[in-house]
């Protein structure tokens, strides 16, 4: 079976028949087009060997062997896509790009605002090529405004969007949250916007331009802090793992080597359930009788819970508290997630053959559509792997023309 024959239920996928011209790189844009690929769109990623996407050059590397087709990072976020290699510095390659746009329903790009237009492929050009095209630009700051052309990366979106101002321990400086949160957030919201635009196109026959700001899409996930400022004039202070109103709300050390569990209690009923498990006398302790009282005596509260957790494994803590309907779960490591039986039972992980790295485990699709089954149909593409397919089967180029373009280094 070839890699192109591995897609189950192709015609039943929600976006079957939709083609995406994917001019993205790094993470935000590819994460957007990944969602469309998951839903069955044919996503054709336009790349070049002369300026390889940075994510093709990032670890982790299978067997510690680097290579442009071996990056675990790239291969995670480009599953189910095709790769067309073009040297866009050559006008003949630009004509191929324009032909691809003519043959596509959606165009995705995530350069800084204005860059794609200066390349000669802005929305007005795309609309002239394909009048009902849906185009999305996922720029750092949006297509308008005084900072629109600033350079941006996802890690910078974390402090810029306010997350760092509320992340860290009491009295400490602002801290990063540990992941480039602006990238996947923008990608997910961008995919949602594309789906809305496709529904609009089906209803009206009209395409449109989607202007997404990664800054704004990341801010949208921090409503509590921003609302606290706008409503009361005071933003929440940094306070470690504690919540402004819930208590207990923390991570506690358990028995074993670097084993931890998170516990969160939302109301008095959950607190009584937790107290009756740990020590029934706690339920009658006036220091913890209300949410306000528990917040006021949070150090003593955490000490009591921590002492109980310290003598038990994290699994024992989880099972005991979950049986009492208290939200508790171990702090998972990457290995824990890899081996987790629950995730395995849901077939969350994807293990598909890749031409260079073989079969490797990747994260899959986190939802199931029972009426229109979806699945990752193949591993991420090697650089330029689908160039001939796209030129021949999508754009209708003859073999002699393709060979001439290759000999002229247009397809690189």
Protein backbone atom coordinates (compact mmCIF):
# COMPACT_ATOMS: atom_id res chain seq x y z
CA UNK A 1 0.00 0.00 0.00
CA UNK A 2 1.37 3.40 -0.94
CA UNK A 3 1.21 6.31 1.45
CA UNK A 4 -1.52 7.88 -0.68
CA UNK A 5 -3.75 4.83 -0.32
CA UNK A 6 -3.83 4.86 3.46
CA UNK A 7 -6.71 7.28 4.02
CA UNK A 8 -9.87 5.60 5.40
CA UNK A 9 -13.32 6.92 4.55
CA UNK A 10 -11.88 9.77 2.46
CA UNK A 11 -15.21 10.75 0.94
CA UNK A 12 -16.94 10.81 4.31
CA UNK A 13 -14.59 13.27 5.98
CA UNK A 14 -16.17 16.68 6.72
CA UNK A 15 -13.78 18.68 4.52
CA UNK A 16 -13.48 16.14 1.72
CA UNK A 17 -13.07 18.02 -1.57
CA UNK A 18 -11.58 21.14 0.05
CA UNK A 19 -8.03 21.99 -1.01
CA UNK A 20 -5.73 24.22 1.05
CA UNK A 21 -2.71 26.06 -0.34
CA UNK A 22 -0.53 26.15 2.77
CA UNK A 23 2.20 28.81 2.73
CA UNK A 24 2.84 28.54 6.47
CA UNK A 25 5.86 27.80 8.59
CA UNK A 26 7.01 27.46 12.22
CA UNK A 27 3.99 26.54 14.41
CA UNK A 28 0.92 28.81 14.38
CA UNK A 29 0.16 28.50 10.66
CA UNK A 30 0.98 24.79 10.38
CA UNK A 31 -1.17 24.10 13.45
CA UNK A 32 -4.08 25.86 11.72
CA UNK A 33 -3.72 23.83 8.53
CA UNK A 34 -3.20 20.64 10.58
CA UNK A 35 -6.74 20.98 11.91
CA UNK A 36 -8.04 21.29 8.35
CA UNK A 37 -6.05 18.20 7.32
CA UNK A 38 -7.50 16.30 10.28
CA UNK A 39 -10.98 17.13 8.98
CA UNK A 40 -10.21 15.78 5.52
CA UNK A 41 -9.00 18.76 3.50
CA UNK A 42 -6.17 18.19 1.04
CA UNK A 43 -3.47 20.43 2.50
CA UNK A 44 -0.57 21.19 0.16
CA UNK A 45 2.29 22.78 2.03
CA UNK A 46 4.52 24.99 -0.15
CA UNK A 47 8.15 24.74 0.97
CA UNK A 48 11.62 25.42 -0.30
CA UNK A 49 14.95 23.74 0.27
CA UNK A 50 16.73 27.08 0.05
CA UNK A 51 15.00 28.38 3.21
CA UNK A 52 13.92 25.31 5.11
CA UNK A 53 11.23 25.77 7.73
CA UNK A 54 12.90 26.17 11.11
CA UNK A 55 10.79 23.36 12.54
CA UNK A 56 12.42 20.89 10.14
CA UNK A 57 15.69 21.76 11.87
CA UNK A 58 14.50 21.31 15.46
CA UNK A 59 14.77 18.28 17.76
CA UNK A 60 13.71 15.80 18.95
CA UNK A 61 15.50 13.62 16.42
CA UNK A 62 14.70 9.90 16.11
CA UNK A 63 17.80 7.91 17.07
CA UNK A 64 19.63 11.23 17.62
CA UNK A 65 20.09 11.62 13.85
CA UNK A 66 19.21 15.11 12.53
CA UNK A 67 17.74 15.67 9.07
CA UNK A 68 15.16 17.89 7.37
CA UNK A 69 12.70 15.00 7.22
CA UNK A 70 13.43 13.66 10.71
CA UNK A 71 12.30 16.36 13.11
CA UNK A 72 9.74 15.10 15.59
CA UNK A 73 8.52 18.69 15.95
CA UNK A 74 7.83 19.12 12.24
CA UNK A 75 6.43 15.62 11.81
CA UNK A 76 3.95 16.16 14.66
CA UNK A 77 2.39 19.32 13.28
CA UNK A 78 2.34 18.40 9.61
CA UNK A 79 0.67 15.01 9.66
CA UNK A 80 -1.67 14.29 6.79
CA UNK A 81 -0.30 17.05 4.54
CA UNK A 82 1.48 17.09 1.20
CA UNK A 83 4.72 18.95 0.43
CA UNK A 84 5.36 20.93 -2.75
CA UNK A 85 8.90 22.29 -3.07
CA UNK A 86 9.26 25.58 -4.98
CA UNK A 87 12.03 28.12 -5.32
CA UNK A 88 9.78 31.18 -5.03
CA UNK A 89 12.63 33.48 -6.04
CA UNK A 90 12.06 32.20 -9.58
CA UNK A 91 9.10 33.70 -11.47
CA UNK A 92 8.28 30.26 -12.89
CA UNK A 93 7.82 28.98 -9.35
CA UNK A 94 5.61 31.97 -8.57
CA UNK A 95 3.43 31.02 -11.54
CA UNK A 96 3.11 27.52 -10.08
CA UNK A 97 2.08 29.07 -6.76
CA UNK A 98 -0.55 31.12 -8.54
CA UNK A 99 -1.81 28.02 -10.33
CA UNK A 100 -2.09 26.26 -6.97
CA UNK A 101 -4.13 29.14 -5.56
CA UNK A 102 -6.45 28.94 -8.59
CA UNK A 103 -6.98 25.27 -7.78
CA UNK A 104 -7.52 25.78 -4.06
CA UNK A 105 -10.38 26.78 -1.79
CA UNK A 106 -8.31 28.12 1.09
CA UNK A 107 -4.97 29.95 1.32
CA UNK A 108 -3.15 30.04 4.66
CA UNK A 109 -0.08 32.12 5.53
CA UNK A 110 1.48 33.31 8.78
CA UNK A 111 4.23 35.73 7.83
CA UNK A 112 4.46 39.17 9.41
CA UNK A 113 1.74 41.49 8.12
CA UNK A 114 2.44 42.67 4.57
CA UNK A 115 5.15 40.13 3.73
CA UNK A 116 2.89 37.84 1.69
CA UNK A 117 1.54 40.79 -0.28
CA UNK A 118 5.07 42.00 -1.01
CA UNK A 119 5.80 38.52 -2.34
CA UNK A 120 3.02 39.16 -4.86
CA UNK A 121 0.47 36.83 -3.25
CA UNK A 122 -1.68 39.12 -1.09
CA UNK A 123 -5.43 38.76 -0.78
CA UNK A 124 -6.26 40.99 -3.74
CA UNK A 125 -4.02 38.84 -5.94
CA UNK A 126 -5.49 35.63 -4.56
CA UNK A 127 -9.04 36.90 -5.05
CA UNK A 128 -8.24 37.80 -8.67
CA UNK A 129 -6.95 34.26 -9.20
CA UNK A 130 -9.84 32.59 -7.36
CA UNK A 131 -12.81 34.93 -6.73
CA UNK A 132 -14.38 32.81 -3.96
CA UNK A 133 -11.13 31.97 -2.18
CA UNK A 134 -10.96 32.01 1.62
CA UNK A 135 -7.63 33.42 2.77
CA UNK A 136 -6.36 33.64 6.33
CA UNK A 137 -3.30 35.52 7.56
CA UNK A 138 -2.14 34.59 11.06
CA UNK A 139 0.24 37.44 11.76
CA UNK A 140 1.67 38.38 15.13
CA UNK A 141 -0.25 41.63 15.56
CA UNK A 142 -2.91 41.65 12.86
CA UNK A 143 -2.99 43.30 9.44
CA UNK A 144 -3.60 46.82 10.78
CA UNK A 145 -2.40 49.02 13.61
CA UNK A 146 0.93 50.73 14.41
CA UNK A 147 2.67 47.48 15.37
CA UNK A 148 1.28 45.33 12.57
CA UNK A 149 4.62 44.76 10.85
CA UNK A 150 6.55 43.89 14.00
CA UNK A 151 8.25 40.48 14.01
CA UNK A 152 6.76 37.94 16.43
CA UNK A 153 7.23 34.42 17.73
CA UNK A 154 4.94 32.44 19.99
CA UNK A 155 7.14 32.65 23.11
CA UNK A 156 6.95 36.45 22.94
CA UNK A 157 3.15 36.23 22.86
CA UNK A 158 3.11 34.80 26.40
CA UNK A 159 4.42 37.91 28.21
CA UNK A 160 2.88 40.25 25.61
CA UNK A 161 -0.58 38.79 26.19
CA UNK A 162 -0.44 39.12 29.96
CA UNK A 163 0.19 35.51 30.92
CA UNK A 164 3.61 36.15 32.44
CA UNK A 165 2.25 38.96 34.58
CA UNK A 166 0.10 36.44 36.49
CA UNK A 167 2.48 33.46 36.29
CA UNK A 168 5.08 32.88 39.02
CA UNK A 169 5.40 32.64 42.76
CA UNK A 170 4.41 35.39 45.14
CA UNK A 171 7.12 38.05 45.21
CA UNK A 172 8.88 36.62 42.16
CA UNK A 173 9.43 38.22 38.78
CA UNK A 174 7.03 37.35 35.91
CA UNK A 175 7.65 33.89 34.49
CA UNK A 176 7.05 32.08 31.21
CA UNK A 177 4.36 29.40 31.23
CA UNK A 178 6.65 26.78 29.69
CA UNK A 179 5.23 26.58 26.17
CA UNK A 180 4.86 28.82 23.13
CA UNK A 181 1.18 29.23 23.89
CA UNK A 182 0.42 31.87 21.27
CA UNK A 183 1.14 29.50 18.38
CA UNK A 184 -1.32 26.63 18.89
CA UNK A 185 -3.91 29.04 20.26
CA UNK A 186 -3.78 31.09 17.07
CA UNK A 187 -3.82 27.93 14.97
CA UNK A 188 -6.94 26.56 16.60
CA UNK A 189 -8.81 29.85 16.41
CA UNK A 190 -7.66 30.32 12.84
CA UNK A 191 -9.03 26.92 11.83
CA UNK A 192 -12.36 27.83 13.43
CA UNK A 193 -12.45 31.07 11.43
CA UNK A 194 -11.70 29.19 8.20
CA UNK A 195 -14.56 26.77 8.86
CA UNK A 196 -16.92 29.71 9.45
CA UNK A 197 -15.77 31.34 6.20
CA UNK A 198 -16.31 28.09 4.28
CA UNK A 199 -19.85 27.84 5.67
CA UNK A 200 -20.43 31.45 4.61
CA UNK A 201 -19.07 30.67 1.14
CA UNK A 202 -21.36 27.69 0.78
CA UNK A 203 -24.34 29.86 1.71
CA UNK A 204 -23.46 32.96 -0.36
CA UNK A 205 -20.84 31.91 -2.90
CA UNK A 206 -18.48 34.55 -1.51
CA UNK A 207 -14.97 34.08 -0.23
CA UNK A 208 -13.30 36.43 2.22
CA UNK A 209 -10.11 37.51 3.97
CA UNK A 210 -9.52 36.52 7.60
CA UNK A 211 -7.22 38.79 9.58
CA UNK A 212 -6.06 36.95 12.72
CA UNK A 213 -3.83 38.53 15.35
CA UNK A 214 -1.84 36.01 17.37
CA UNK A 215 -1.57 38.60 20.15
CA UNK A 216 -5.34 39.02 20.37
CA UNK A 217 -6.07 35.29 20.09
CA UNK A 218 -3.76 34.64 23.04
CA UNK A 219 -5.27 37.45 25.11
CA UNK A 220 -8.66 35.81 24.60
CA UNK A 221 -7.54 33.00 26.93
CA UNK A 222 -6.86 35.32 29.87
CA UNK A 223 -10.28 36.82 30.61
CA UNK A 224 -10.09 36.58 34.42
CA UNK A 225 -7.03 38.77 34.82
CA UNK A 226 -8.10 41.32 32.23
CA UNK A 227 -11.64 41.51 33.65
CA UNK A 228 -10.23 41.91 37.17
CA UNK A 229 -8.31 44.94 35.93
CA UNK A 230 -11.22 46.46 34.03
CA UNK A 231 -13.77 45.79 36.77
CA UNK A 232 -11.80 46.51 39.94
CA UNK A 233 -8.69 48.30 38.74
CA UNK A 234 -6.43 45.58 40.16
CA UNK A 235 -4.95 42.62 38.30
CA UNK A 236 -4.45 39.34 40.19
CA UNK A 237 -1.08 38.96 41.91
CA UNK A 238 1.27 36.13 41.10
CA UNK A 239 0.62 33.36 43.61
CA UNK A 240 2.18 30.12 42.40
CA UNK A 241 -0.33 27.32 41.86
CA UNK A 242 -3.00 28.91 44.03
CA UNK A 243 -6.30 30.22 42.73
CA UNK A 244 -7.72 33.64 43.70
CA UNK A 245 -10.86 32.06 45.22
CA UNK A 246 -10.64 28.25 45.27
CA UNK A 247 -8.89 26.46 48.12
CA UNK A 248 -7.36 23.98 48.17
CA UNK A 249 -5.92 24.50 44.71
CA UNK A 250 -2.34 23.27 44.53
CA UNK A 251 0.13 20.54 43.59
CA UNK A 252 1.25 18.25 46.40
CA UNK A 253 4.25 15.92 46.68
CA UNK A 254 3.43 12.23 46.95
CA UNK A 255 5.43 9.17 47.94
CA UNK A 256 8.10 8.20 45.43
CA UNK A 257 10.74 9.96 43.40
CA UNK A 258 9.50 13.34 42.17
CA UNK A 259 5.85 12.28 42.20
CA UNK A 260 3.14 14.90 42.51
CA UNK A 261 -0.64 15.25 42.36
CA UNK A 262 -2.90 18.21 41.65
CA UNK A 263 -6.00 18.79 43.76
CA UNK A 264 -8.67 21.42 43.13
CA UNK A 265 -11.81 22.03 45.20
CA UNK A 266 -14.52 24.30 43.84
CA UNK A 267 -17.07 24.50 46.65
CA UNK A 268 -17.92 23.50 50.21
CA UNK A 269 -19.46 20.16 49.20
CA UNK A 270 -16.24 19.11 47.48
CA UNK A 271 -14.24 20.35 50.48
CA UNK A 272 -16.28 18.21 52.87
CA UNK A 273 -15.76 15.19 50.62
CA UNK A 274 -12.02 15.81 50.61
CA UNK A 275 -11.87 16.44 54.38
CA UNK A 276 -13.79 13.25 55.16
CA UNK A 277 -11.23 11.26 53.20
CA UNK A 278 -8.15 12.91 54.74
CA UNK A 279 -9.37 13.44 58.32
CA UNK A 280 -13.06 13.85 59.20
CA UNK A 281 -12.19 16.36 61.91
CA UNK A 282 -11.06 18.78 59.20
CA UNK A 283 -14.65 19.08 57.96
CA UNK A 284 -15.62 20.60 61.32
CA UNK A 285 -12.55 22.83 61.62
CA UNK A 286 -13.76 26.44 61.60
CA UNK A 287 -10.54 27.54 59.85
CA UNK A 288 -11.76 25.73 56.75
CA UNK A 289 -15.54 26.13 57.06
CA UNK A 290 -15.93 28.37 54.00
CA UNK A 291 -14.03 29.26 50.87
CA UNK A 292 -13.03 32.59 52.41
CA UNK A 293 -11.84 30.88 55.58
CA UNK A 294 -9.85 28.33 53.62
CA UNK A 295 -8.16 31.09 51.63
CA UNK A 296 -7.31 32.93 54.84
CA UNK A 297 -5.76 29.76 56.32
CA UNK A 298 -4.38 28.31 53.10
CA UNK A 299 -0.89 27.58 54.47
CA UNK A 300 -2.34 25.39 57.23
CA UNK A 301 -4.74 23.81 54.75
CA UNK A 302 -1.96 22.91 52.31
CA UNK A 303 0.16 21.54 55.17
CA UNK A 304 -2.60 19.12 56.23
CA UNK A 305 -3.27 17.93 52.68
CA UNK A 306 0.43 17.72 51.88
CA UNK A 307 1.11 15.52 54.92
CA UNK A 308 -1.62 13.11 53.83
CA UNK A 309 -0.39 12.97 50.22
CA UNK A 310 3.24 12.46 51.23
CA UNK A 311 2.56 8.96 52.59
CA UNK A 312 0.65 7.77 49.52
CA UNK A 313 1.45 7.18 45.87
CA UNK A 314 -0.01 9.64 43.39
CA UNK A 315 -2.18 6.86 41.95
CA UNK A 316 -3.53 6.05 45.42
CA UNK A 317 -4.31 9.74 46.00
CA UNK A 318 -6.02 10.00 42.64
CA UNK A 319 -8.13 6.86 43.06
CA UNK A 320 -9.14 7.65 46.62
CA UNK A 321 -10.15 11.24 45.93
CA UNK A 322 -11.80 10.52 42.60
CA UNK A 323 -13.93 7.92 44.36
CA UNK A 324 -15.09 10.77 46.59
CA UNK A 325 -15.75 12.94 43.48
CA UNK A 326 -12.84 15.28 44.17
CA UNK A 327 -10.81 16.53 41.19
CA UNK A 328 -7.35 15.01 41.66
CA UNK A 329 -4.91 13.67 39.12
CA UNK A 330 -1.18 12.97 38.93
CA UNK A 331 1.22 15.45 37.42
CA UNK A 332 2.04 13.52 34.26
CA UNK A 333 5.45 13.29 32.63
CA UNK A 334 5.94 12.77 28.91
CA UNK A 335 6.61 9.08 29.60
CA UNK A 336 3.44 8.85 31.69
CA UNK A 337 1.42 10.21 28.79
CA UNK A 338 3.15 7.94 26.30
CA UNK A 339 2.27 4.88 28.37
CA UNK A 340 -1.13 5.98 29.67
CA UNK A 341 -3.71 3.17 29.30
CA UNK A 342 -6.67 5.55 29.07
CA UNK A 343 -5.19 7.43 26.11
CA UNK A 344 -4.23 4.11 24.58
CA UNK A 345 -7.76 2.76 24.93
CA UNK A 346 -9.08 5.75 22.99
CA UNK A 347 -6.56 5.30 20.15
CA UNK A 348 -5.36 8.85 20.67
CA UNK A 349 -1.85 8.21 19.47
CA UNK A 350 -0.96 7.83 15.81
CA UNK A 351 1.65 5.37 14.58
CA UNK A 352 2.07 5.52 10.81
CA UNK A 353 5.07 4.68 8.60
CA UNK A 354 7.36 7.52 7.54
CA UNK A 355 9.86 7.09 4.67
CA UNK A 356 12.88 8.13 6.77
CA UNK A 357 12.11 7.59 10.43
CA UNK A 358 9.85 4.57 10.22
CA UNK A 359 6.92 4.22 12.61
CA UNK A 360 6.97 6.75 15.42
CA UNK A 361 4.28 7.66 17.93
CA UNK A 362 2.63 11.06 17.46
CA UNK A 363 -0.30 12.79 19.09
CA UNK A 364 -3.47 12.41 17.06
CA UNK A 365 -6.91 13.99 16.87
CA UNK A 366 -8.40 14.85 20.30
CA UNK A 367 -12.04 14.42 19.27
CA UNK A 368 -14.21 11.82 17.54
CA UNK A 369 -16.89 12.45 14.93
CA UNK A 370 -19.12 9.39 14.88
CA UNK A 371 -21.16 10.53 11.89
CA UNK A 372 -18.16 11.45 9.75
CA UNK A 373 -15.18 9.36 10.89
CA UNK A 374 -11.80 11.07 10.70
CA UNK A 375 -8.25 9.84 11.12
CA UNK A 376 -4.70 10.94 10.36
CA UNK A 377 -4.19 9.30 7.00
CA UNK A 378 -0.41 9.47 6.75
CA UNK A 379 2.68 10.75 8.51
CA UNK A 380 4.12 14.18 7.72
CA UNK A 381 5.61 14.60 4.24
CA UNK A 382 9.28 14.64 3.38
CA UNK A 383 10.42 17.93 1.86
CA UNK A 384 9.05 18.10 -1.70
CA UNK A 385 7.66 14.57 -1.52
CA UNK A 386 4.45 15.46 -3.37
CA UNK A 387 5.84 17.91 -5.91
CA UNK A 388 5.22 15.68 -8.90
CA UNK A 389 1.75 14.70 -7.68
CA UNK A 390 0.69 18.34 -7.22
CA UNK A 391 2.04 19.50 -10.57
CA UNK A 392 0.72 16.50 -12.49
CA UNK A 393 -2.55 15.54 -10.78
CA UNK A 394 -3.68 18.84 -9.26
CA UNK A 395 -2.38 21.38 -11.76
CA UNK A 396 -2.38 19.21 -14.88
CA UNK A 397 1.25 19.78 -15.93
CA UNK A 398 2.75 17.37 -18.44
CA UNK A 399 5.72 15.21 -17.46
CA UNK A 400 8.09 16.98 -19.86
CA UNK A 401 7.19 20.36 -18.35
CA UNK A 402 7.75 19.04 -14.83
CA UNK A 403 11.13 17.66 -15.83
CA UNK A 404 12.13 20.97 -17.42
CA UNK A 405 11.16 22.85 -14.27
CA UNK A 406 13.19 20.45 -12.18
CA UNK A 407 16.24 20.78 -14.41
CA UNK A 408 15.96 24.56 -14.10
CA UNK A 409 16.01 24.31 -10.26
CA UNK A 410 12.52 25.78 -10.01
CA UNK A 411 11.35 22.84 -7.89
CA UNK A 412 13.73 23.27 -4.97
